[in-house]
Amino acid sequence: MNREQTIFYALGEKPPPVEAAAASAPETEPVLTKREREVAALVTAGKTNKEIAADLVISQRTAEAHVENILSKLGFTSRAQVISWMTGQR
């Protein structure tokens, strides 16, 4: 199983058809800001938005906004996908 298939399997979802996945794949790697990478690393560590906020000394709402931005930029719908993506980046 590749990374995408593993994510869908872990989430109990059916992967899109191969041609649809290839058509929707971005041509360039999405760029996260330095802060978004910090937040993504904390998500990967299993931290909640409240814990992320405390670690970075920001409001919980700001932490939530960073997580939402990360999901949006990467085209993901769950934190598990962010974890998988971050693991592949290392």
N, C-alpha and C. Protein backbone atom coordinates (compact mmCIF):
# COMPACT_ATOMS: atom_id res chain seq x y z
N MET A 1 0.84 -1.18 0.00
CA MET A 1 0.00 0.00 0.00
C MET A 1 0.88 1.25 0.00
N ASN A 2 0.49 2.23 -0.80
CA ASN A 2 1.22 3.48 -0.76
C ASN A 2 0.65 4.35 0.36
N ARG A 3 1.23 5.52 0.56
CA ARG A 3 0.84 6.40 1.66
C ARG A 3 -0.63 6.80 1.57
N GLU A 4 -1.07 7.18 0.37
CA GLU A 4 -2.46 7.61 0.17
C GLU A 4 -3.43 6.48 0.52
N GLN A 5 -3.13 5.28 0.03
CA GLN A 5 -4.00 4.13 0.30
C GLN A 5 -4.03 3.82 1.80
N THR A 6 -2.89 3.96 2.46
CA THR A 6 -2.81 3.71 3.90
C THR A 6 -3.69 4.69 4.66
N ILE A 7 -3.69 5.94 4.25
CA ILE A 7 -4.51 6.96 4.92
C ILE A 7 -5.99 6.62 4.77
N PHE A 8 -6.40 6.31 3.56
CA PHE A 8 -7.81 5.97 3.34
C PHE A 8 -8.19 4.72 4.13
N TYR A 9 -7.30 3.72 4.16
CA TYR A 9 -7.57 2.50 4.90
C TYR A 9 -7.72 2.80 6.39
N ALA A 10 -6.80 3.61 6.94
CA ALA A 10 -6.83 3.95 8.36
C ALA A 10 -8.10 4.72 8.73
N LEU A 11 -8.58 5.53 7.79
CA LEU A 11 -9.79 6.32 8.04
C LEU A 11 -11.06 5.55 7.71
N GLY A 12 -10.91 4.35 7.17
CA GLY A 12 -12.07 3.54 6.80
C GLY A 12 -12.82 4.10 5.61
N GLU A 13 -12.10 4.80 4.74
CA GLU A 13 -12.72 5.41 3.57
C GLU A 13 -12.27 4.71 2.30
N LYS A 14 -13.08 4.84 1.26
CA LYS A 14 -12.75 4.26 -0.03
C LYS A 14 -11.92 5.28 -0.83
N PRO A 15 -10.75 4.87 -1.35
CA PRO A 15 -9.94 5.82 -2.12
C PRO A 15 -10.62 6.18 -3.44
N PRO A 16 -10.33 7.39 -3.97
CA PRO A 16 -10.90 7.78 -5.25
C PRO A 16 -10.31 6.93 -6.36
N PRO A 17 -10.98 6.86 -7.52
CA PRO A 17 -10.41 6.12 -8.65
C PRO A 17 -9.04 6.67 -9.02
N VAL A 18 -8.19 5.84 -9.56
CA VAL A 18 -6.81 6.22 -9.88
C VAL A 18 -6.75 7.44 -10.78
N GLU A 19 -7.56 7.49 -11.83
CA GLU A 19 -7.51 8.64 -12.74
C GLU A 19 -7.95 9.93 -12.06
N ALA A 20 -8.90 9.85 -11.11
CA ALA A 20 -9.34 11.05 -10.39
C ALA A 20 -8.24 11.52 -9.45
N ALA A 21 -7.56 10.61 -8.82
CA ALA A 21 -6.48 10.98 -7.91
C ALA A 21 -5.33 11.63 -8.67
N ALA A 22 -5.00 11.10 -9.83
CA ALA A 22 -3.91 11.67 -10.63
C ALA A 22 -4.28 13.06 -11.15
N ALA A 23 -5.54 13.25 -11.52
CA ALA A 23 -5.98 14.54 -12.05
C ALA A 23 -5.99 15.61 -10.97
N SER A 24 -6.24 15.22 -9.72
CA SER A 24 -6.33 16.21 -8.64
C SER A 24 -5.00 16.42 -7.92
N ALA A 25 -3.97 15.66 -8.26
CA ALA A 25 -2.68 15.78 -7.59
C ALA A 25 -2.04 17.12 -7.94
N PRO A 26 -1.56 17.83 -6.92
CA PRO A 26 -0.92 19.12 -7.20
C PRO A 26 0.41 18.91 -7.93
N GLU A 27 0.76 19.87 -8.78
CA GLU A 27 1.99 19.78 -9.55
C GLU A 27 3.19 20.18 -8.71
N THR A 28 3.00 21.09 -7.77
CA THR A 28 4.08 21.52 -6.91
C THR A 28 3.73 21.21 -5.46
N GLU A 29 4.75 21.05 -4.66
CA GLU A 29 4.57 20.77 -3.24
C GLU A 29 4.02 22.03 -2.55
N PRO A 30 2.95 21.89 -1.75
CA PRO A 30 2.41 23.06 -1.05
C PRO A 30 3.44 23.59 -0.05
N VAL A 31 3.44 24.89 0.11
CA VAL A 31 4.40 25.51 1.00
C VAL A 31 3.70 25.96 2.28
N LEU A 32 4.19 25.46 3.40
CA LEU A 32 3.68 25.88 4.69
C LEU A 32 4.62 26.94 5.25
N THR A 33 4.04 27.88 5.99
CA THR A 33 4.87 28.88 6.66
C THR A 33 5.65 28.21 7.78
N LYS A 34 6.63 28.92 8.31
CA LYS A 34 7.42 28.38 9.41
C LYS A 34 6.51 28.02 10.59
N ARG A 35 5.56 28.88 10.92
CA ARG A 35 4.65 28.63 12.04
C ARG A 35 3.75 27.43 11.74
N GLU A 36 3.28 27.33 10.51
CA GLU A 36 2.44 26.19 10.14
C GLU A 36 3.22 24.88 10.24
N ARG A 37 4.50 24.91 9.90
CA ARG A 37 5.33 23.71 10.05
C ARG A 37 5.49 23.35 11.53
N GLU A 38 5.64 24.38 12.38
CA GLU A 38 5.72 24.13 13.83
C GLU A 38 4.43 23.48 14.33
N VAL A 39 3.31 24.04 13.90
CA VAL A 39 2.01 23.50 14.31
C VAL A 39 1.84 22.08 13.77
N ALA A 40 2.21 21.85 12.52
CA ALA A 40 2.10 20.51 11.93
C ALA A 40 2.95 19.51 12.71
N ALA A 41 4.12 19.94 13.15
CA ALA A 41 4.98 19.05 13.95
C ALA A 41 4.31 18.71 15.28
N LEU A 42 3.64 19.68 15.88
CA LEU A 42 2.94 19.43 17.14
C LEU A 42 1.72 18.54 16.93
N VAL A 43 1.04 18.70 15.79
CA VAL A 43 -0.07 17.81 15.44
C VAL A 43 0.48 16.38 15.32
N THR A 44 1.63 16.26 14.67
CA THR A 44 2.26 14.95 14.49
C THR A 44 2.63 14.33 15.84
N ALA A 45 2.95 15.18 16.81
CA ALA A 45 3.27 14.69 18.16
C ALA A 45 2.02 14.31 18.94
N GLY A 46 0.84 14.49 18.33
CA GLY A 46 -0.40 14.10 18.98
C GLY A 46 -1.01 15.16 19.88
N LYS A 47 -0.56 16.39 19.74
CA LYS A 47 -1.07 17.47 20.58
C LYS A 47 -2.44 17.94 20.12
N THR A 48 -3.26 18.34 21.08
CA THR A 48 -4.56 18.94 20.78
C THR A 48 -4.35 20.42 20.46
N ASN A 49 -5.38 21.07 19.95
CA ASN A 49 -5.27 22.51 19.67
C ASN A 49 -4.96 23.29 20.94
N LYS A 50 -5.54 22.89 22.04
CA LYS A 50 -5.30 23.56 23.32
C LYS A 50 -3.84 23.41 23.74
N GLU A 51 -3.29 22.21 23.57
CA GLU A 51 -1.88 21.96 23.92
C GLU A 51 -0.94 22.70 22.97
N ILE A 52 -1.30 22.75 21.70
CA ILE A 52 -0.50 23.49 20.72
C ILE A 52 -0.46 24.97 21.12
N ALA A 53 -1.62 25.51 21.48
CA ALA A 53 -1.69 26.91 21.89
C ALA A 53 -0.80 27.18 23.09
N ALA A 54 -0.84 26.29 24.07
CA ALA A 54 -0.02 26.47 25.27
C ALA A 54 1.47 26.38 24.93
N ASP A 55 1.86 25.42 24.11
CA ASP A 55 3.27 25.25 23.73
C ASP A 55 3.81 26.45 22.97
N LEU A 56 2.99 27.03 22.09
CA LEU A 56 3.44 28.14 21.25
C LEU A 56 3.09 29.52 21.83
N VAL A 57 2.43 29.53 22.97
CA VAL A 57 2.00 30.76 23.64
C VAL A 57 1.16 31.61 22.68
N ILE A 58 0.11 30.98 22.14
CA ILE A 58 -0.86 31.65 21.28
C ILE A 58 -2.24 31.26 21.78
N SER A 59 -3.27 31.93 21.29
CA SER A 59 -4.63 31.57 21.71
C SER A 59 -5.04 30.25 21.07
N GLN A 60 -5.99 29.59 21.70
CA GLN A 60 -6.48 28.33 21.16
C GLN A 60 -7.09 28.55 19.78
N ARG A 61 -7.79 29.67 19.61
CA ARG A 61 -8.41 29.96 18.31
C ARG A 61 -7.35 30.14 17.22
N THR A 62 -6.22 30.77 17.57
CA THR A 62 -5.14 30.92 16.61
C THR A 62 -4.56 29.57 16.22
N ALA A 63 -4.40 28.69 17.20
CA ALA A 63 -3.92 27.33 16.93
C ALA A 63 -4.89 26.61 16.00
N GLU A 64 -6.19 26.75 16.27
CA GLU A 64 -7.21 26.14 15.41
C GLU A 64 -7.12 26.68 13.99
N ALA A 65 -6.90 27.99 13.87
CA ALA A 65 -6.79 28.61 12.54
C ALA A 65 -5.57 28.07 11.79
N HIS A 66 -4.45 27.89 12.50
CA HIS A 66 -3.27 27.33 11.86
C HIS A 66 -3.55 25.91 11.36
N VAL A 67 -4.20 25.10 12.19
CA VAL A 67 -4.52 23.73 11.78
C VAL A 67 -5.45 23.75 10.57
N GLU A 68 -6.45 24.61 10.59
CA GLU A 68 -7.37 24.73 9.44
C GLU A 68 -6.62 25.14 8.18
N ASN A 69 -5.69 26.09 8.30
CA ASN A 69 -4.90 26.53 7.15
C ASN A 69 -4.04 25.40 6.60
N ILE A 70 -3.44 24.63 7.50
CA ILE A 70 -2.61 23.50 7.07
C ILE A 70 -3.46 22.50 6.29
N LEU A 71 -4.61 22.14 6.86
CA LEU A 71 -5.50 21.19 6.18
C LEU A 71 -5.91 21.71 4.81
N SER A 72 -6.24 22.99 4.75
CA SER A 72 -6.67 23.59 3.49
C SER A 72 -5.54 23.59 2.46
N LYS A 73 -4.35 24.05 2.86
CA LYS A 73 -3.23 24.12 1.93
C LYS A 73 -2.84 22.76 1.38
N LEU A 74 -2.93 21.74 2.24
CA LEU A 74 -2.53 20.40 1.83
C LEU A 74 -3.67 19.61 1.19
N GLY A 75 -4.88 20.17 1.24
CA GLY A 75 -6.02 19.48 0.67
C GLY A 75 -6.46 18.28 1.50
N PHE A 76 -6.23 18.35 2.80
CA PHE A 76 -6.57 17.25 3.69
C PHE A 76 -7.84 17.55 4.47
N THR A 77 -8.41 16.50 5.06
CA THR A 77 -9.62 16.66 5.87
C THR A 77 -9.42 16.20 7.31
N SER A 78 -8.24 15.63 7.61
CA SER A 78 -8.04 15.13 8.96
C SER A 78 -6.60 15.33 9.42
N ARG A 79 -6.43 15.33 10.73
CA ARG A 79 -5.11 15.45 11.33
C ARG A 79 -4.25 14.22 10.99
N ALA A 80 -4.90 13.07 10.84
CA ALA A 80 -4.16 11.84 10.49
C ALA A 80 -3.43 12.01 9.16
N GLN A 81 -4.04 12.70 8.24
CA GLN A 81 -3.41 12.95 6.94
C GLN A 81 -2.20 13.88 7.10
N VAL A 82 -2.31 14.85 8.00
CA VAL A 82 -1.19 15.75 8.27
C VAL A 82 -0.02 14.95 8.86
N ILE A 83 -0.35 14.05 9.78
CA ILE A 83 0.68 13.22 10.40
C ILE A 83 1.40 12.39 9.35
N SER A 84 0.64 11.78 8.47
CA SER A 84 1.23 10.97 7.40
C SER A 84 2.10 11.82 6.49
N TRP A 85 1.62 13.00 6.14
CA TRP A 85 2.37 13.90 5.26
C TRP A 85 3.68 14.34 5.93
N MET A 86 3.59 14.71 7.20
CA MET A 86 4.79 15.15 7.93
C MET A 86 5.80 14.01 8.05
N THR A 87 5.31 12.81 8.27
CA THR A 87 6.20 11.66 8.37
C THR A 87 6.94 11.45 7.06
N GLY A 88 6.25 11.66 5.95
CA GLY A 88 6.88 11.52 4.64
C GLY A 88 7.85 12.64 4.33
N GLN A 89 7.73 13.78 4.99
CA GLN A 89 8.61 14.93 4.76
C GLN A 89 9.98 14.76 5.42
N ARG A 90 10.05 13.89 6.41
CA ARG A 90 11.31 13.75 7.18
C ARG A 90 12.27 12.84 6.51
